[in-house]
Amino acid sequence: MRTRAHIIVNGDVQGVFFRQETKQRAEAHDVRGWIRNRNDGTVEAVFEGEEQDVKALIDFSKRGPSRAAVTNVDVKLEAYTGEYKGFKIRYT
């Protein structure tokens, strides 16, 4: 079953390769969507794919890369849209 998750990650999550490592894991799991840094210091992402693969990305986001210090992850599950062709890092 395919699903979509929209997440906001709080903590020390910028400048620690969070976006790059998430992109690598998303591609390994065939998860599509995007990730970006937000002005408030959080990281925002949308994951689309098979339920177990999206869950793997959410689980990774709860700990992040080794230099991250995640304090909270807000997860909103949404209906799968299939609108993404790959996984991208957004810079806006």
N, C-alpha and C. Protein backbone atom coordinates (compact mmCIF):
# COMPACT_ATOMS: atom_id res chain seq x y z
N MET A 1 0.83 -1.17 0.00
CA MET A 1 0.00 0.00 0.00
C MET A 1 0.88 1.24 0.00
N ARG A 2 0.57 2.19 -0.85
CA ARG A 2 1.34 3.43 -0.93
C ARG A 2 0.76 4.49 -0.01
N THR A 3 1.66 5.32 0.51
CA THR A 3 1.24 6.36 1.42
C THR A 3 2.10 7.60 1.24
N ARG A 4 1.73 8.65 1.95
CA ARG A 4 2.45 9.92 1.91
C ARG A 4 2.54 10.44 3.33
N ALA A 5 3.70 10.98 3.69
CA ALA A 5 3.89 11.60 5.00
C ALA A 5 4.51 12.97 4.81
N HIS A 6 3.98 13.94 5.53
CA HIS A 6 4.52 15.30 5.57
C HIS A 6 5.07 15.49 6.97
N ILE A 7 6.37 15.75 7.09
CA ILE A 7 6.98 15.81 8.41
C ILE A 7 7.71 17.13 8.65
N ILE A 8 7.78 17.50 9.92
CA ILE A 8 8.59 18.62 10.38
C ILE A 8 9.49 18.07 11.49
N VAL A 9 10.80 18.26 11.33
CA VAL A 9 11.77 17.74 12.29
C VAL A 9 12.37 18.91 13.07
N ASN A 10 12.28 18.82 14.40
CA ASN A 10 12.81 19.85 15.29
C ASN A 10 14.07 19.37 15.98
N GLY A 11 14.91 20.33 16.37
CA GLY A 11 16.14 20.03 17.10
C GLY A 11 17.32 20.65 16.38
N ASP A 12 18.50 20.10 16.64
CA ASP A 12 19.71 20.53 15.95
C ASP A 12 19.80 19.70 14.67
N VAL A 13 19.11 20.17 13.62
CA VAL A 13 18.94 19.36 12.41
C VAL A 13 19.42 20.06 11.14
N GLN A 14 19.95 21.26 11.26
CA GLN A 14 20.51 21.95 10.09
C GLN A 14 22.03 22.01 10.24
N GLY A 15 22.72 21.88 9.10
CA GLY A 15 24.18 21.91 9.12
C GLY A 15 24.80 20.61 9.59
N VAL A 16 24.02 19.52 9.58
CA VAL A 16 24.51 18.21 10.04
C VAL A 16 24.29 17.13 8.98
N PHE A 17 24.10 17.55 7.72
CA PHE A 17 23.89 16.64 6.58
C PHE A 17 22.57 15.89 6.64
N PHE A 18 21.58 16.46 7.32
CA PHE A 18 20.28 15.83 7.44
C PHE A 18 19.62 15.63 6.07
N ARG A 19 19.61 16.68 5.27
CA ARG A 19 18.96 16.58 3.95
C ARG A 19 19.67 15.59 3.05
N GLN A 20 20.99 15.64 3.03
CA GLN A 20 21.74 14.74 2.14
C GLN A 20 21.56 13.28 2.52
N GLU A 21 21.64 12.98 3.82
CA GLU A 21 21.48 11.58 4.24
C GLU A 21 20.05 11.09 4.02
N THR A 22 19.09 11.97 4.23
CA THR A 22 17.70 11.59 3.98
C THR A 22 17.50 11.30 2.50
N LYS A 23 18.07 12.12 1.63
CA LYS A 23 17.95 11.90 0.19
C LYS A 23 18.54 10.55 -0.21
N GLN A 24 19.71 10.22 0.33
CA GLN A 24 20.33 8.93 0.01
C GLN A 24 19.45 7.77 0.46
N ARG A 25 18.89 7.87 1.64
CA ARG A 25 18.02 6.80 2.16
C ARG A 25 16.71 6.73 1.36
N ALA A 26 16.18 7.88 0.99
CA ALA A 26 14.95 7.89 0.19
C ALA A 26 15.18 7.19 -1.14
N GLU A 27 16.29 7.49 -1.78
CA GLU A 27 16.59 6.85 -3.06
C GLU A 27 16.80 5.35 -2.89
N ALA A 28 17.43 4.93 -1.82
CA ALA A 28 17.65 3.50 -1.56
C ALA A 28 16.33 2.77 -1.32
N HIS A 29 15.33 3.48 -0.77
CA HIS A 29 14.02 2.88 -0.48
C HIS A 29 12.99 3.16 -1.58
N ASP A 30 13.41 3.82 -2.65
CA ASP A 30 12.50 4.21 -3.73
C ASP A 30 11.35 5.08 -3.21
N VAL A 31 11.69 5.97 -2.28
CA VAL A 31 10.74 6.95 -1.76
C VAL A 31 10.93 8.24 -2.54
N ARG A 32 9.83 8.84 -2.91
CA ARG A 32 9.86 10.08 -3.70
C ARG A 32 9.36 11.23 -2.85
N GLY A 33 9.70 12.45 -3.28
CA GLY A 33 9.26 13.63 -2.56
C GLY A 33 10.35 14.67 -2.49
N TRP A 34 10.47 15.33 -1.33
CA TRP A 34 11.44 16.41 -1.18
C TRP A 34 11.75 16.66 0.29
N ILE A 35 12.82 17.43 0.51
CA ILE A 35 13.22 17.84 1.86
C ILE A 35 13.83 19.23 1.75
N ARG A 36 13.64 20.04 2.81
CA ARG A 36 14.22 21.39 2.81
C ARG A 36 14.44 21.88 4.24
N ASN A 37 15.39 22.80 4.38
CA ASN A 37 15.57 23.53 5.62
C ASN A 37 14.57 24.66 5.64
N ARG A 38 14.03 24.94 6.82
CA ARG A 38 13.12 26.08 6.98
C ARG A 38 13.81 27.18 7.78
N ASN A 39 13.33 28.40 7.61
CA ASN A 39 13.94 29.55 8.28
C ASN A 39 13.91 29.45 9.80
N ASP A 40 12.99 28.68 10.36
CA ASP A 40 12.88 28.57 11.81
C ASP A 40 13.81 27.52 12.41
N GLY A 41 14.70 26.93 11.59
CA GLY A 41 15.67 25.95 12.07
C GLY A 41 15.21 24.51 11.99
N THR A 42 14.00 24.29 11.54
CA THR A 42 13.49 22.92 11.38
C THR A 42 13.79 22.42 9.97
N VAL A 43 13.54 21.14 9.78
CA VAL A 43 13.62 20.51 8.46
C VAL A 43 12.22 19.99 8.13
N GLU A 44 11.79 20.23 6.90
CA GLU A 44 10.47 19.79 6.43
C GLU A 44 10.66 18.83 5.27
N ALA A 45 9.84 17.80 5.21
CA ALA A 45 9.95 16.83 4.13
C ALA A 45 8.60 16.23 3.80
N VAL A 46 8.49 15.76 2.56
CA VAL A 46 7.35 14.97 2.10
C VAL A 46 7.91 13.68 1.54
N PHE A 47 7.40 12.55 2.04
CA PHE A 47 7.81 11.23 1.57
C PHE A 47 6.61 10.54 0.94
N GLU A 48 6.80 9.96 -0.24
CA GLU A 48 5.76 9.15 -0.88
C GLU A 48 6.35 7.83 -1.33
N GLY A 49 5.63 6.76 -1.06
CA GLY A 49 6.08 5.45 -1.50
C GLY A 49 5.32 4.35 -0.79
N GLU A 50 5.89 3.15 -0.86
CA GLU A 50 5.29 2.03 -0.16
C GLU A 50 5.33 2.30 1.35
N GLU A 51 4.29 1.88 2.03
CA GLU A 51 4.14 2.20 3.45
C GLU A 51 5.37 1.87 4.28
N GLN A 52 5.95 0.67 4.10
CA GLN A 52 7.11 0.28 4.90
C GLN A 52 8.33 1.14 4.59
N ASP A 53 8.46 1.60 3.35
CA ASP A 53 9.59 2.45 2.98
C ASP A 53 9.44 3.86 3.55
N VAL A 54 8.23 4.40 3.51
CA VAL A 54 7.96 5.71 4.11
C VAL A 54 8.20 5.63 5.61
N LYS A 55 7.76 4.54 6.24
CA LYS A 55 7.98 4.37 7.67
C LYS A 55 9.47 4.33 7.99
N ALA A 56 10.26 3.69 7.14
CA ALA A 56 11.72 3.65 7.36
C ALA A 56 12.32 5.06 7.34
N LEU A 57 11.82 5.92 6.45
CA LEU A 57 12.31 7.30 6.39
C LEU A 57 11.86 8.10 7.61
N ILE A 58 10.64 7.87 8.06
CA ILE A 58 10.16 8.54 9.28
C ILE A 58 11.00 8.10 10.47
N ASP A 59 11.28 6.81 10.57
CA ASP A 59 12.10 6.30 11.67
C ASP A 59 13.50 6.92 11.64
N PHE A 60 14.09 7.02 10.45
CA PHE A 60 15.40 7.67 10.34
C PHE A 60 15.32 9.13 10.78
N SER A 61 14.25 9.81 10.40
CA SER A 61 14.09 11.22 10.75
C SER A 61 14.00 11.44 12.25
N LYS A 62 13.56 10.44 12.98
CA LYS A 62 13.45 10.56 14.44
C LYS A 62 14.80 10.56 15.13
N ARG A 63 15.85 10.09 14.44
CA ARG A 63 17.20 10.11 15.01
C ARG A 63 18.14 10.96 14.16
N GLY A 64 17.97 10.94 12.83
CA GLY A 64 18.80 11.73 11.93
C GLY A 64 20.21 11.20 11.82
N PRO A 65 21.05 11.93 11.10
CA PRO A 65 22.45 11.52 10.99
C PRO A 65 23.17 11.68 12.33
N SER A 66 24.39 11.18 12.42
CA SER A 66 25.10 11.10 13.70
C SER A 66 25.28 12.45 14.39
N ARG A 67 25.41 13.53 13.66
CA ARG A 67 25.63 14.85 14.28
C ARG A 67 24.33 15.56 14.64
N ALA A 68 23.20 15.02 14.28
CA ALA A 68 21.91 15.65 14.58
C ALA A 68 21.49 15.36 16.01
N ALA A 69 20.64 16.25 16.53
CA ALA A 69 20.03 16.04 17.85
C ALA A 69 18.54 16.34 17.69
N VAL A 70 17.79 15.33 17.27
CA VAL A 70 16.36 15.49 17.01
C VAL A 70 15.61 15.52 18.33
N THR A 71 14.73 16.53 18.48
CA THR A 71 13.93 16.63 19.71
C THR A 71 12.48 16.25 19.47
N ASN A 72 11.99 16.39 18.23
CA ASN A 72 10.60 16.05 17.95
C ASN A 72 10.41 15.93 16.44
N VAL A 73 9.52 15.04 16.04
CA VAL A 73 9.12 14.92 14.64
C VAL A 73 7.60 14.92 14.58
N ASP A 74 7.06 15.93 13.91
CA ASP A 74 5.61 15.98 13.68
C ASP A 74 5.35 15.26 12.36
N VAL A 75 4.48 14.27 12.38
CA VAL A 75 4.18 13.47 11.20
C VAL A 75 2.70 13.61 10.87
N LYS A 76 2.41 14.00 9.65
CA LYS A 76 1.03 14.05 9.17
C LYS A 76 0.92 13.08 7.99
N LEU A 77 0.16 12.01 8.16
CA LEU A 77 -0.05 11.06 7.07
C LEU A 77 -1.12 11.61 6.14
N GLU A 78 -0.88 11.50 4.85
CA GLU A 78 -1.78 12.05 3.84
C GLU A 78 -2.02 11.00 2.76
N ALA A 79 -2.94 11.30 1.88
CA ALA A 79 -3.23 10.40 0.76
C ALA A 79 -2.09 10.47 -0.27
N TYR A 80 -1.71 9.31 -0.77
CA TYR A 80 -0.68 9.21 -1.80
C TYR A 80 -1.17 9.92 -3.06
N THR A 81 -0.28 10.72 -3.68
CA THR A 81 -0.66 11.43 -4.90
C THR A 81 0.12 10.96 -6.13
N GLY A 82 1.32 10.45 -5.94
CA GLY A 82 2.15 10.03 -7.07
C GLY A 82 2.68 11.18 -7.89
N GLU A 83 2.72 12.38 -7.32
CA GLU A 83 3.10 13.57 -8.10
C GLU A 83 4.60 13.74 -8.28
N TYR A 84 5.42 13.01 -7.54
CA TYR A 84 6.87 13.21 -7.60
C TYR A 84 7.55 12.14 -8.45
N LYS A 85 8.57 12.56 -9.19
CA LYS A 85 9.30 11.63 -10.05
C LYS A 85 10.58 11.10 -9.39
N GLY A 86 11.02 11.74 -8.34
CA GLY A 86 12.23 11.34 -7.62
C GLY A 86 12.21 12.00 -6.26
N PHE A 87 13.40 12.10 -5.64
CA PHE A 87 13.50 12.76 -4.35
C PHE A 87 14.48 13.91 -4.49
N LYS A 88 14.07 15.12 -4.10
CA LYS A 88 14.89 16.30 -4.30
C LYS A 88 15.11 17.06 -3.00
N ILE A 89 16.26 17.71 -2.94
CA ILE A 89 16.51 18.68 -1.89
C ILE A 89 16.06 20.02 -2.43
N ARG A 90 15.17 20.68 -1.70
CA ARG A 90 14.69 22.01 -2.09
C ARG A 90 15.50 23.06 -1.34
N TYR A 91 15.71 24.17 -2.02
CA TYR A 91 16.50 25.26 -1.43
C TYR A 91 15.66 26.52 -1.26
N THR A 92 14.34 26.40 -1.33
CA THR A 92 13.47 27.58 -1.13
C THR A 92 12.46 27.29 -0.06
